[in-house]
ModelCIF file with pLDDT and N, C-alpha, C, O atoms, coordinates in Angstrom:
data_MODEL
#
_entry.id   MODEL 
#
_entity.id                         1 
_entity.type                       polymer 
_entity.pdbx_number_of_molecules   1 
#
_entity_poly.entity_id                      1 
_entity_poly.type                           'polypeptide(L)' 
_entity_poly.nstd_linkage                   no 
_entity_poly.nstd_monomer                   no 
_entity_poly.pdbx_seq_one_letter_code       
;(UNK)(UNK)(UNK)(UNK)(UNK)(UNK)(UNK)(UNK)(UNK)(UNK)(UNK)(UNK)(UNK)(UNK)(UNK)(UNK)
(UNK)(UNK)(UNK)(UNK)(UNK)(UNK)(UNK)(UNK)(UNK)(UNK)(UNK)(UNK)(UNK)(UNK)(UNK)(UNK)
(UNK)(UNK)(UNK)(UNK)(UNK)(UNK)(UNK)(UNK)(UNK)(UNK)(UNK)(UNK)(UNK)(UNK)(UNK)(UNK)
;
_entity_poly.pdbx_seq_one_letter_code_can   XXXXXXXXXXXXXXXXXXXXXXXXXXXXXXXXXXXXXXXXXXXXXXXX 
_entity_poly.pdbx_strand_id                 A 
#
loop_
_entity_poly_seq.entity_id 
_entity_poly_seq.num 
_entity_poly_seq.mon_id 
_entity_poly_seq.hetero 
1 1  UNK n 
1 2  UNK n 
1 3  UNK n 
1 4  UNK n 
1 5  UNK n 
1 6  UNK n 
1 7  UNK n 
1 8  UNK n 
1 9  UNK n 
1 10 UNK n 
1 11 UNK n 
1 12 UNK n 
1 13 UNK n 
1 14 UNK n 
1 15 UNK n 
1 16 UNK n 
1 17 UNK n 
1 18 UNK n 
1 19 UNK n 
1 20 UNK n 
1 21 UNK n 
1 22 UNK n 
1 23 UNK n 
1 24 UNK n 
1 25 UNK n 
1 26 UNK n 
1 27 UNK n 
1 28 UNK n 
1 29 UNK n 
1 30 UNK n 
1 31 UNK n 
1 32 UNK n 
1 33 UNK n 
1 34 UNK n 
1 35 UNK n 
1 36 UNK n 
1 37 UNK n 
1 38 UNK n 
1 39 UNK n 
1 40 UNK n 
1 41 UNK n 
1 42 UNK n 
1 43 UNK n 
1 44 UNK n 
1 45 UNK n 
1 46 UNK n 
1 47 UNK n 
1 48 UNK n 
#
_struct_asym.id          A 
_struct_asym.entity_id   1 
#
loop_
_ma_qa_metric.id 
_ma_qa_metric.mode 
_ma_qa_metric.name 
_ma_qa_metric.software_group_id 
_ma_qa_metric.type 
1 global pLDDT . pLDDT 
2 local  pLDDT . pLDDT 
#
_ma_qa_metric_global.metric_id      1 
_ma_qa_metric_global.metric_value   78.02 
_ma_qa_metric_global.model_id       1 
_ma_qa_metric_global.ordinal_id     1 
#
loop_
_ma_qa_metric_local.label_asym_id 
_ma_qa_metric_local.label_comp_id 
_ma_qa_metric_local.label_seq_id 
_ma_qa_metric_local.metric_id 
_ma_qa_metric_local.metric_value 
_ma_qa_metric_local.model_id 
_ma_qa_metric_local.ordinal_id 
A UNK 1  2 94.00 1 1  
A UNK 2  2 94.00 1 2  
A UNK 3  2 94.00 1 3  
A UNK 4  2 94.00 1 4  
A UNK 5  2 95.00 1 5  
A UNK 6  2 94.00 1 6  
A UNK 7  2 93.00 1 7  
A UNK 8  2 91.00 1 8  
A UNK 9  2 92.00 1 9  
A UNK 10 2 92.00 1 10 
A UNK 11 2 88.00 1 11 
A UNK 12 2 87.00 1 12 
A UNK 13 2 88.00 1 13 
A UNK 14 2 86.00 1 14 
A UNK 15 2 80.00 1 15 
A UNK 16 2 81.00 1 16 
A UNK 17 2 83.00 1 17 
A UNK 18 2 76.00 1 18 
A UNK 19 2 71.00 1 19 
A UNK 20 2 73.00 1 20 
A UNK 21 2 69.00 1 21 
A UNK 22 2 63.00 1 22 
A UNK 23 2 61.00 1 23 
A UNK 24 2 56.00 1 24 
A UNK 25 2 54.00 1 25 
A UNK 26 2 55.00 1 26 
A UNK 27 2 57.00 1 27 
A UNK 28 2 51.00 1 28 
A UNK 29 2 60.00 1 29 
A UNK 30 2 64.00 1 30 
A UNK 31 2 63.00 1 31 
A UNK 32 2 62.00 1 32 
A UNK 33 2 69.00 1 33 
A UNK 34 2 74.00 1 34 
A UNK 35 2 74.00 1 35 
A UNK 36 2 73.00 1 36 
A UNK 37 2 78.00 1 37 
A UNK 38 2 82.00 1 38 
A UNK 39 2 80.00 1 39 
A UNK 40 2 81.00 1 40 
A UNK 41 2 86.00 1 41 
A UNK 42 2 84.00 1 42 
A UNK 43 2 82.00 1 43 
A UNK 44 2 83.00 1 44 
A UNK 45 2 85.00 1 45 
A UNK 46 2 86.00 1 46 
A UNK 47 2 81.00 1 47 
A UNK 48 2 86.00 1 48 
#
loop_
_atom_site.group_PDB 
_atom_site.id 
_atom_site.type_symbol 
_atom_site.label_atom_id 
_atom_site.label_alt_id 
_atom_site.label_comp_id 
_atom_site.label_asym_id 
_atom_site.label_entity_id 
_atom_site.label_seq_id 
_atom_site.pdbx_PDB_ins_code 
_atom_site.Cartn_x 
_atom_site.Cartn_y 
_atom_site.Cartn_z 
_atom_site.occupancy 
_atom_site.B_iso_or_equiv 
_atom_site.pdbx_formal_charge 
_atom_site.auth_seq_id 
_atom_site.auth_comp_id 
_atom_site.auth_asym_id 
_atom_site.auth_atom_id 
_atom_site.pdbx_PDB_model_num 
ATOM 1   N N  . UNK A 1 1  ? 0.828  -1.209 -0.004  1.00 94.00 ? 1  UNK A N  1 
ATOM 2   C CA . UNK A 1 1  ? 0.001  0.001  0.000   1.00 94.00 ? 1  UNK A CA 1 
ATOM 3   C C  . UNK A 1 1  ? 0.876  1.242  -0.002  1.00 94.00 ? 1  UNK A C  1 
ATOM 4   O O  . UNK A 1 1  ? 0.550  2.233  -0.656  1.00 94.00 ? 1  UNK A O  1 
ATOM 5   N N  . UNK A 1 2  ? 1.994  1.193  0.731   1.00 94.00 ? 2  UNK A N  1 
ATOM 6   C CA . UNK A 1 2  ? 2.919  2.318  0.697   1.00 94.00 ? 2  UNK A CA 1 
ATOM 7   C C  . UNK A 1 2  ? 3.492  2.520  -0.702  1.00 94.00 ? 2  UNK A C  1 
ATOM 8   O O  . UNK A 1 2  ? 3.587  3.648  -1.185  1.00 94.00 ? 2  UNK A O  1 
ATOM 9   N N  . UNK A 1 3  ? 3.874  1.418  -1.349  1.00 94.00 ? 3  UNK A N  1 
ATOM 10  C CA . UNK A 1 3  ? 4.351  1.496  -2.729  1.00 94.00 ? 3  UNK A CA 1 
ATOM 11  C C  . UNK A 1 3  ? 3.313  2.130  -3.636  1.00 94.00 ? 3  UNK A C  1 
ATOM 12  O O  . UNK A 1 3  ? 3.635  2.971  -4.475  1.00 94.00 ? 3  UNK A O  1 
ATOM 13  N N  . UNK A 1 4  ? 2.053  1.717  -3.460  1.00 94.00 ? 4  UNK A N  1 
ATOM 14  C CA . UNK A 1 4  ? 0.981  2.239  -4.314  1.00 94.00 ? 4  UNK A CA 1 
ATOM 15  C C  . UNK A 1 4  ? 0.782  3.740  -4.062  1.00 94.00 ? 4  UNK A C  1 
ATOM 16  O O  . UNK A 1 4  ? 0.551  4.504  -4.999  1.00 94.00 ? 4  UNK A O  1 
ATOM 17  N N  . UNK A 1 5  ? 0.873  4.159  -2.791  1.00 95.00 ? 5  UNK A N  1 
ATOM 18  C CA . UNK A 1 5  ? 0.747  5.593  -2.467  1.00 95.00 ? 5  UNK A CA 1 
ATOM 19  C C  . UNK A 1 5  ? 1.868  6.381  -3.156  1.00 95.00 ? 5  UNK A C  1 
ATOM 20  O O  . UNK A 1 5  ? 1.622  7.424  -3.761  1.00 95.00 ? 5  UNK A O  1 
ATOM 21  N N  . UNK A 1 6  ? 3.085  5.874  -3.057  1.00 94.00 ? 6  UNK A N  1 
ATOM 22  C CA . UNK A 1 6  ? 4.210  6.584  -3.685  1.00 94.00 ? 6  UNK A CA 1 
ATOM 23  C C  . UNK A 1 6  ? 4.094  6.586  -5.195  1.00 94.00 ? 6  UNK A C  1 
ATOM 24  O O  . UNK A 1 6  ? 4.384  7.594  -5.840  1.00 94.00 ? 6  UNK A O  1 
ATOM 25  N N  . UNK A 1 7  ? 3.663  5.441  -5.781  1.00 93.00 ? 7  UNK A N  1 
ATOM 26  C CA . UNK A 1 7  ? 3.492  5.349  -7.227  1.00 93.00 ? 7  UNK A CA 1 
ATOM 27  C C  . UNK A 1 7  ? 2.453  6.369  -7.713  1.00 93.00 ? 7  UNK A C  1 
ATOM 28  O O  . UNK A 1 7  ? 2.686  7.104  -8.672  1.00 93.00 ? 7  UNK A O  1 
ATOM 29  N N  . UNK A 1 8  ? 1.296  6.394  -7.025  1.00 91.00 ? 8  UNK A N  1 
ATOM 30  C CA . UNK A 1 8  ? 0.282  7.338  -7.438  1.00 91.00 ? 8  UNK A CA 1 
ATOM 31  C C  . UNK A 1 8  ? 0.692  8.769  -7.364  1.00 91.00 ? 8  UNK A C  1 
ATOM 32  O O  . UNK A 1 8  ? 0.353  9.547  -8.255  1.00 91.00 ? 8  UNK A O  1 
ATOM 33  N N  . UNK A 1 9  ? 1.418  9.159  -6.328  1.00 92.00 ? 9  UNK A N  1 
ATOM 34  C CA . UNK A 1 9  ? 1.905  10.553 -6.182  1.00 92.00 ? 9  UNK A CA 1 
ATOM 35  C C  . UNK A 1 9  ? 2.874  10.889 -7.318  1.00 92.00 ? 9  UNK A C  1 
ATOM 36  O O  . UNK A 1 9  ? 2.753  11.957 -7.919  1.00 92.00 ? 9  UNK A O  1 
ATOM 37  N N  . UNK A 1 10 ? 3.813  10.026 -7.624  1.00 92.00 ? 10 UNK A N  1 
ATOM 38  C CA . UNK A 1 10 ? 4.788  10.311 -8.678  1.00 92.00 ? 10 UNK A CA 1 
ATOM 39  C C  . UNK A 1 10 ? 4.109  10.349 -10.025 1.00 92.00 ? 10 UNK A C  1 
ATOM 40  O O  . UNK A 1 10 ? 4.373  11.247 -10.825 1.00 92.00 ? 10 UNK A O  1 
ATOM 41  N N  . UNK A 1 11 ? 3.229  9.382  -10.296 1.00 88.00 ? 11 UNK A N  1 
ATOM 42  C CA . UNK A 1 11 ? 2.566  9.341  -11.609 1.00 88.00 ? 11 UNK A CA 1 
ATOM 43  C C  . UNK A 1 11 ? 1.729  10.570 -11.847 1.00 88.00 ? 11 UNK A C  1 
ATOM 44  O O  . UNK A 1 11 ? 1.820  11.196 -12.903 1.00 88.00 ? 11 UNK A O  1 
ATOM 45  N N  . UNK A 1 12 ? 0.905  10.924 -10.865 1.00 87.00 ? 12 UNK A N  1 
ATOM 46  C CA . UNK A 1 12 ? 0.015  12.069 -11.007 1.00 87.00 ? 12 UNK A CA 1 
ATOM 47  C C  . UNK A 1 12 ? 0.827  13.372 -11.138 1.00 87.00 ? 12 UNK A C  1 
ATOM 48  O O  . UNK A 1 12 ? 0.486  14.234 -11.948 1.00 87.00 ? 12 UNK A O  1 
ATOM 49  N N  . UNK A 1 13 ? 1.885  13.513 -10.351 1.00 88.00 ? 13 UNK A N  1 
ATOM 50  C CA . UNK A 1 13 ? 2.712  14.724 -10.440 1.00 88.00 ? 13 UNK A CA 1 
ATOM 51  C C  . UNK A 1 13 ? 3.417  14.817 -11.784 1.00 88.00 ? 13 UNK A C  1 
ATOM 52  O O  . UNK A 1 13 ? 3.508  15.893 -12.375 1.00 88.00 ? 13 UNK A O  1 
ATOM 53  N N  . UNK A 1 14 ? 3.911  13.690 -12.258 1.00 86.00 ? 14 UNK A N  1 
ATOM 54  C CA . UNK A 1 14 ? 4.569  13.723 -13.585 1.00 86.00 ? 14 UNK A CA 1 
ATOM 55  C C  . UNK A 1 14 ? 3.592  14.044 -14.706 1.00 86.00 ? 14 UNK A C  1 
ATOM 56  O O  . UNK A 1 14 ? 3.920  14.782 -15.635 1.00 86.00 ? 14 UNK A O  1 
ATOM 57  N N  . UNK A 1 15 ? 2.384  13.482 -14.613 1.00 80.00 ? 15 UNK A N  1 
ATOM 58  C CA . UNK A 1 15 ? 1.391  13.805 -15.623 1.00 80.00 ? 15 UNK A CA 1 
ATOM 59  C C  . UNK A 1 15 ? 0.966  15.262 -15.542 1.00 80.00 ? 15 UNK A C  1 
ATOM 60  O O  . UNK A 1 15 ? 0.784  15.907 -16.574 1.00 80.00 ? 15 UNK A O  1 
ATOM 61  N N  . UNK A 1 16 ? 0.803  15.792 -14.332 1.00 81.00 ? 16 UNK A N  1 
ATOM 62  C CA . UNK A 1 16 ? 0.432  17.194 -14.149 1.00 81.00 ? 16 UNK A CA 1 
ATOM 63  C C  . UNK A 1 16 ? 1.530  18.136 -14.647 1.00 81.00 ? 16 UNK A C  1 
ATOM 64  O O  . UNK A 1 16 ? 1.247  19.207 -15.184 1.00 81.00 ? 16 UNK A O  1 
ATOM 65  N N  . UNK A 1 17 ? 2.784  17.723 -14.462 1.00 83.00 ? 17 UNK A N  1 
ATOM 66  C CA . UNK A 1 17 ? 3.915  18.521 -14.958 1.00 83.00 ? 17 UNK A CA 1 
ATOM 67  C C  . UNK A 1 17 ? 3.802  18.691 -16.471 1.00 83.00 ? 17 UNK A C  1 
ATOM 68  O O  . UNK A 1 17 ? 3.973  19.794 -16.990 1.00 83.00 ? 17 UNK A O  1 
ATOM 69  N N  . UNK A 1 18 ? 3.521  17.622 -17.160 1.00 76.00 ? 18 UNK A N  1 
ATOM 70  C CA . UNK A 1 18 ? 3.381  17.691 -18.629 1.00 76.00 ? 18 UNK A CA 1 
ATOM 71  C C  . UNK A 1 18 ? 2.161  18.512 -19.014 1.00 76.00 ? 18 UNK A C  1 
ATOM 72  O O  . UNK A 1 18 ? 2.237  19.350 -19.913 1.00 76.00 ? 18 UNK A O  1 
ATOM 73  N N  . UNK A 1 19 ? 1.019  18.278 -18.334 1.00 71.00 ? 19 UNK A N  1 
ATOM 74  C CA . UNK A 1 19 ? -0.208 19.003 -18.630 1.00 71.00 ? 19 UNK A CA 1 
ATOM 75  C C  . UNK A 1 19 ? -0.022 20.528 -18.406 1.00 71.00 ? 19 UNK A C  1 
ATOM 76  O O  . UNK A 1 19 ? -0.519 21.338 -19.189 1.00 71.00 ? 19 UNK A O  1 
ATOM 77  N N  . UNK A 1 20 ? 0.679  20.892 -17.360 1.00 73.00 ? 20 UNK A N  1 
ATOM 78  C CA . UNK A 1 20 ? 0.812  22.303 -17.029 1.00 73.00 ? 20 UNK A CA 1 
ATOM 79  C C  . UNK A 1 20 ? 1.739  23.046 -17.984 1.00 73.00 ? 20 UNK A C  1 
ATOM 80  O O  . UNK A 1 20 ? 1.567  24.246 -18.201 1.00 73.00 ? 20 UNK A O  1 
ATOM 81  N N  . UNK A 1 21 ? 2.693  22.366 -18.543 1.00 69.00 ? 21 UNK A N  1 
ATOM 82  C CA . UNK A 1 21 ? 3.718  23.035 -19.347 1.00 69.00 ? 21 UNK A CA 1 
ATOM 83  C C  . UNK A 1 21 ? 3.622  22.761 -20.813 1.00 69.00 ? 21 UNK A C  1 
ATOM 84  O O  . UNK A 1 21 ? 4.347  23.374 -21.597 1.00 69.00 ? 21 UNK A O  1 
ATOM 85  N N  . UNK A 1 22 ? 2.736  21.842 -21.230 1.00 63.00 ? 22 UNK A N  1 
ATOM 86  C CA . UNK A 1 22 ? 2.590  21.566 -22.666 1.00 63.00 ? 22 UNK A CA 1 
ATOM 87  C C  . UNK A 1 22 ? 1.671  22.616 -23.287 1.00 63.00 ? 22 UNK A C  1 
ATOM 88  O O  . UNK A 1 22 ? 0.720  23.085 -22.661 1.00 63.00 ? 22 UNK A O  1 
ATOM 89  N N  . UNK A 1 23 ? 1.976  22.967 -24.520 1.00 61.00 ? 23 UNK A N  1 
ATOM 90  C CA . UNK A 1 23 ? 1.144  23.869 -25.294 1.00 61.00 ? 23 UNK A CA 1 
ATOM 91  C C  . UNK A 1 23 ? 0.389  23.088 -26.333 1.00 61.00 ? 23 UNK A C  1 
ATOM 92  O O  . UNK A 1 23 ? 0.656  21.905 -26.543 1.00 61.00 ? 23 UNK A O  1 
ATOM 93  N N  . UNK A 1 24 ? -0.564 23.744 -26.994 1.00 56.00 ? 24 UNK A N  1 
ATOM 94  C CA . UNK A 1 24 ? -1.337 23.096 -28.039 1.00 56.00 ? 24 UNK A CA 1 
ATOM 95  C C  . UNK A 1 24 ? -0.432 22.593 -29.171 1.00 56.00 ? 24 UNK A C  1 
ATOM 96  O O  . UNK A 1 24 ? -0.734 21.610 -29.847 1.00 56.00 ? 24 UNK A O  1 
ATOM 97  N N  . UNK A 1 25 ? 0.681  23.298 -29.351 1.00 54.00 ? 25 UNK A N  1 
ATOM 98  C CA . UNK A 1 25 ? 1.599  22.936 -30.464 1.00 54.00 ? 25 UNK A CA 1 
ATOM 99  C C  . UNK A 1 25 ? 2.453  21.730 -30.105 1.00 54.00 ? 25 UNK A C  1 
ATOM 100 O O  . UNK A 1 25 ? 2.803  20.938 -30.980 1.00 54.00 ? 25 UNK A O  1 
ATOM 101 N N  . UNK A 1 26 ? 2.789  21.582 -28.836 1.00 55.00 ? 26 UNK A N  1 
ATOM 102 C CA . UNK A 1 26 ? 3.734  20.465 -28.498 1.00 55.00 ? 26 UNK A CA 1 
ATOM 103 C C  . UNK A 1 26 ? 3.102  19.453 -27.546 1.00 55.00 ? 26 UNK A C  1 
ATOM 104 O O  . UNK A 1 26 ? 3.815  18.663 -26.927 1.00 55.00 ? 26 UNK A O  1 
ATOM 105 N N  . UNK A 1 27 ? 1.769  19.465 -27.420 1.00 57.00 ? 27 UNK A N  1 
ATOM 106 C CA . UNK A 1 27 ? 1.097  18.568 -26.448 1.00 57.00 ? 27 UNK A CA 1 
ATOM 107 C C  . UNK A 1 27 ? 1.337  17.107 -26.823 1.00 57.00 ? 27 UNK A C  1 
ATOM 108 O O  . UNK A 1 27 ? 1.599  16.273 -25.956 1.00 57.00 ? 27 UNK A O  1 
ATOM 109 N N  . UNK A 1 28 ? 1.245  16.804 -28.114 1.00 51.00 ? 28 UNK A N  1 
ATOM 110 C CA . UNK A 1 28 ? 1.412  15.399 -28.542 1.00 51.00 ? 28 UNK A CA 1 
ATOM 111 C C  . UNK A 1 28 ? 2.830  14.940 -28.251 1.00 51.00 ? 28 UNK A C  1 
ATOM 112 O O  . UNK A 1 28 ? 3.027  13.836 -27.743 1.00 51.00 ? 28 UNK A O  1 
ATOM 113 N N  . UNK A 1 29 ? 3.820  15.766 -28.562 1.00 60.00 ? 29 UNK A N  1 
ATOM 114 C CA . UNK A 1 29 ? 5.219  15.410 -28.313 1.00 60.00 ? 29 UNK A CA 1 
ATOM 115 C C  . UNK A 1 29 ? 5.480  15.285 -26.801 1.00 60.00 ? 29 UNK A C  1 
ATOM 116 O O  . UNK A 1 29 ? 6.243  14.427 -26.357 1.00 60.00 ? 29 UNK A O  1 
ATOM 117 N N  . UNK A 1 30 ? 4.843  16.143 -26.045 1.00 64.00 ? 30 UNK A N  1 
ATOM 118 C CA . UNK A 1 30 ? 5.042  16.100 -24.579 1.00 64.00 ? 30 UNK A CA 1 
ATOM 119 C C  . UNK A 1 30 ? 4.500  14.802 -23.976 1.00 64.00 ? 30 UNK A C  1 
ATOM 120 O O  . UNK A 1 30 ? 5.158  14.173 -23.147 1.00 64.00 ? 30 UNK A O  1 
ATOM 121 N N  . UNK A 1 31 ? 3.318  14.414 -24.391 1.00 63.00 ? 31 UNK A N  1 
ATOM 122 C CA . UNK A 1 31 ? 2.758  13.184 -23.866 1.00 63.00 ? 31 UNK A CA 1 
ATOM 123 C C  . UNK A 1 31 ? 3.488  11.962 -24.435 1.00 63.00 ? 31 UNK A C  1 
ATOM 124 O O  . UNK A 1 31 ? 3.565  10.930 -23.767 1.00 63.00 ? 31 UNK A O  1 
ATOM 125 N N  . UNK A 1 32 ? 4.022  12.063 -25.650 1.00 62.00 ? 32 UNK A N  1 
ATOM 126 C CA . UNK A 1 32 ? 4.854  10.958 -26.174 1.00 62.00 ? 32 UNK A CA 1 
ATOM 127 C C  . UNK A 1 32 ? 6.086  10.773 -25.303 1.00 62.00 ? 32 UNK A C  1 
ATOM 128 O O  . UNK A 1 32 ? 6.519  9.648  -25.053 1.00 62.00 ? 32 UNK A O  1 
ATOM 129 N N  . UNK A 1 33 ? 6.650  11.891 -24.842 1.00 69.00 ? 33 UNK A N  1 
ATOM 130 C CA . UNK A 1 33 ? 7.799  11.835 -23.936 1.00 69.00 ? 33 UNK A CA 1 
ATOM 131 C C  . UNK A 1 33 ? 7.414  11.165 -22.633 1.00 69.00 ? 33 UNK A C  1 
ATOM 132 O O  . UNK A 1 33 ? 8.161  10.338 -22.110 1.00 69.00 ? 33 UNK A O  1 
ATOM 133 N N  . UNK A 1 34 ? 6.258  11.515 -22.111 1.00 74.00 ? 34 UNK A N  1 
ATOM 134 C CA . UNK A 1 34 ? 5.750  10.949 -20.813 1.00 74.00 ? 34 UNK A CA 1 
ATOM 135 C C  . UNK A 1 34 ? 5.461  9.451  -20.961 1.00 74.00 ? 34 UNK A C  1 
ATOM 136 O O  . UNK A 1 34 ? 5.894  8.654  -20.129 1.00 74.00 ? 34 UNK A O  1 
ATOM 137 N N  . UNK A 1 35 ? 4.732  9.065  -22.014 1.00 74.00 ? 35 UNK A N  1 
ATOM 138 C CA . UNK A 1 35 ? 4.410  7.688  -22.236 1.00 74.00 ? 35 UNK A CA 1 
ATOM 139 C C  . UNK A 1 35 ? 5.630  6.877  -22.591 1.00 74.00 ? 35 UNK A C  1 
ATOM 140 O O  . UNK A 1 35 ? 5.748  5.716  -22.200 1.00 74.00 ? 35 UNK A O  1 
ATOM 141 N N  . UNK A 1 36 ? 6.560  7.494  -23.348 1.00 73.00 ? 36 UNK A N  1 
ATOM 142 C CA . UNK A 1 36 ? 7.785  6.799  -23.739 1.00 73.00 ? 36 UNK A CA 1 
ATOM 143 C C  . UNK A 1 36 ? 8.608  6.361  -22.532 1.00 73.00 ? 36 UNK A C  1 
ATOM 144 O O  . UNK A 1 36 ? 9.157  5.258  -22.516 1.00 73.00 ? 36 UNK A O  1 
ATOM 145 N N  . UNK A 1 37 ? 8.694  7.227  -21.523 1.00 78.00 ? 37 UNK A N  1 
ATOM 146 C CA . UNK A 1 37 ? 9.439  6.848  -20.306 1.00 78.00 ? 37 UNK A CA 1 
ATOM 147 C C  . UNK A 1 37 ? 8.787  5.654  -19.643 1.00 78.00 ? 37 UNK A C  1 
ATOM 148 O O  . UNK A 1 37 ? 9.485  4.746  -19.192 1.00 78.00 ? 37 UNK A O  1 
ATOM 149 N N  . UNK A 1 38 ? 7.454  5.631  -19.574 1.00 82.00 ? 38 UNK A N  1 
ATOM 150 C CA . UNK A 1 38 ? 6.739  4.540  -18.930 1.00 82.00 ? 38 UNK A CA 1 
ATOM 151 C C  . UNK A 1 38 ? 6.947  3.229  -19.710 1.00 82.00 ? 38 UNK A C  1 
ATOM 152 O O  . UNK A 1 38 ? 7.199  2.177  -19.123 1.00 82.00 ? 38 UNK A O  1 
ATOM 153 N N  . UNK A 1 39 ? 6.835  3.317  -21.046 1.00 80.00 ? 39 UNK A N  1 
ATOM 154 C CA . UNK A 1 39 ? 6.941  2.091  -21.843 1.00 80.00 ? 39 UNK A CA 1 
ATOM 155 C C  . UNK A 1 39 ? 8.387  1.567  -21.823 1.00 80.00 ? 39 UNK A C  1 
ATOM 156 O O  . UNK A 1 39 ? 8.593  0.353  -21.809 1.00 80.00 ? 39 UNK A O  1 
ATOM 157 N N  . UNK A 1 40 ? 9.380  2.450  -21.821 1.00 81.00 ? 40 UNK A N  1 
ATOM 158 C CA . UNK A 1 40 ? 10.761 2.004  -21.721 1.00 81.00 ? 40 UNK A CA 1 
ATOM 159 C C  . UNK A 1 40 ? 10.970 1.269  -20.416 1.00 81.00 ? 40 UNK A C  1 
ATOM 160 O O  . UNK A 1 40 ? 11.627 0.229  -20.392 1.00 81.00 ? 40 UNK A O  1 
ATOM 161 N N  . UNK A 1 41 ? 10.425 1.787  -19.332 1.00 86.00 ? 41 UNK A N  1 
ATOM 162 C CA . UNK A 1 41 ? 10.553 1.100  -18.046 1.00 86.00 ? 41 UNK A CA 1 
ATOM 163 C C  . UNK A 1 41 ? 9.782  -0.229 -18.055 1.00 86.00 ? 41 UNK A C  1 
ATOM 164 O O  . UNK A 1 41 ? 10.209 -1.191 -17.418 1.00 86.00 ? 41 UNK A O  1 
ATOM 165 N N  . UNK A 1 42 ? 8.669  -0.288 -18.761 1.00 84.00 ? 42 UNK A N  1 
ATOM 166 C CA . UNK A 1 42 ? 7.891  -1.521 -18.878 1.00 84.00 ? 42 UNK A CA 1 
ATOM 167 C C  . UNK A 1 42 ? 8.694  -2.588 -19.596 1.00 84.00 ? 42 UNK A C  1 
ATOM 168 O O  . UNK A 1 42 ? 8.579  -3.769 -19.267 1.00 84.00 ? 42 UNK A O  1 
ATOM 169 N N  . UNK A 1 43 ? 9.499  -2.203 -20.562 1.00 82.00 ? 43 UNK A N  1 
ATOM 170 C CA . UNK A 1 43 ? 10.347 -3.165 -21.283 1.00 82.00 ? 43 UNK A CA 1 
ATOM 171 C C  . UNK A 1 43 ? 11.479 -3.649 -20.401 1.00 82.00 ? 43 UNK A C  1 
ATOM 172 O O  . UNK A 1 43 ? 11.739 -4.850 -20.322 1.00 82.00 ? 43 UNK A O  1 
ATOM 173 N N  . UNK A 1 44 ? 12.158 -2.717 -19.733 1.00 83.00 ? 44 UNK A N  1 
ATOM 174 C CA . UNK A 1 44 ? 13.369 -3.047 -18.995 1.00 83.00 ? 44 UNK A CA 1 
ATOM 175 C C  . UNK A 1 44 ? 13.066 -3.747 -17.667 1.00 83.00 ? 44 UNK A C  1 
ATOM 176 O O  . UNK A 1 44 ? 13.769 -4.688 -17.300 1.00 83.00 ? 44 UNK A O  1 
ATOM 177 N N  . UNK A 1 45 ? 12.041 -3.309 -16.947 1.00 85.00 ? 45 UNK A N  1 
ATOM 178 C CA . UNK A 1 45 ? 11.825 -3.736 -15.594 1.00 85.00 ? 45 UNK A CA 1 
ATOM 179 C C  . UNK A 1 45 ? 11.571 -5.222 -15.394 1.00 85.00 ? 45 UNK A C  1 
ATOM 180 O O  . UNK A 1 45 ? 12.301 -5.872 -14.645 1.00 85.00 ? 45 UNK A O  1 
ATOM 181 N N  . UNK A 1 46 ? 10.542 -5.780 -16.054 1.00 86.00 ? 46 UNK A N  1 
ATOM 182 C CA . UNK A 1 46 ? 10.190 -7.200 -15.776 1.00 86.00 ? 46 UNK A CA 1 
ATOM 183 C C  . UNK A 1 46 ? 11.309 -8.175 -16.080 1.00 86.00 ? 46 UNK A C  1 
ATOM 184 O O  . UNK A 1 46 ? 11.539 -9.115 -15.319 1.00 86.00 ? 46 UNK A O  1 
ATOM 185 N N  . UNK A 1 47 ? 12.008 -7.959 -17.186 1.00 81.00 ? 47 UNK A N  1 
ATOM 186 C CA . UNK A 1 47 ? 13.075 -8.893 -17.565 1.00 81.00 ? 47 UNK A CA 1 
ATOM 187 C C  . UNK A 1 47 ? 14.207 -8.866 -16.576 1.00 81.00 ? 47 UNK A C  1 
ATOM 188 O O  . UNK A 1 47 ? 14.679 -9.914 -16.137 1.00 81.00 ? 47 UNK A O  1 
ATOM 189 N N  . UNK A 1 48 ? 14.657 -7.658 -16.212 1.00 86.00 ? 48 UNK A N  1 
ATOM 190 C CA . UNK A 1 48 ? 15.731 -7.538 -15.191 1.00 86.00 ? 48 UNK A CA 1 
ATOM 191 C C  . UNK A 1 48 ? 15.258 -8.042 -13.868 1.00 86.00 ? 48 UNK A C  1 
ATOM 192 O O  . UNK A 1 48 ? 16.012 -8.023 -12.895 1.00 86.00 ? 48 UNK A O  1 
#
């Protein structure tokens, strides 16, 4: 439950960081950067 609390705080804060600072011109690239970090971790984490 502690891990879940920490995960939720980091995830929501990271998503809010992108939402707050992305513009209409770079919103797609900004979220691609956000999702790309998650997917890269999804590839590396389970195998290791």
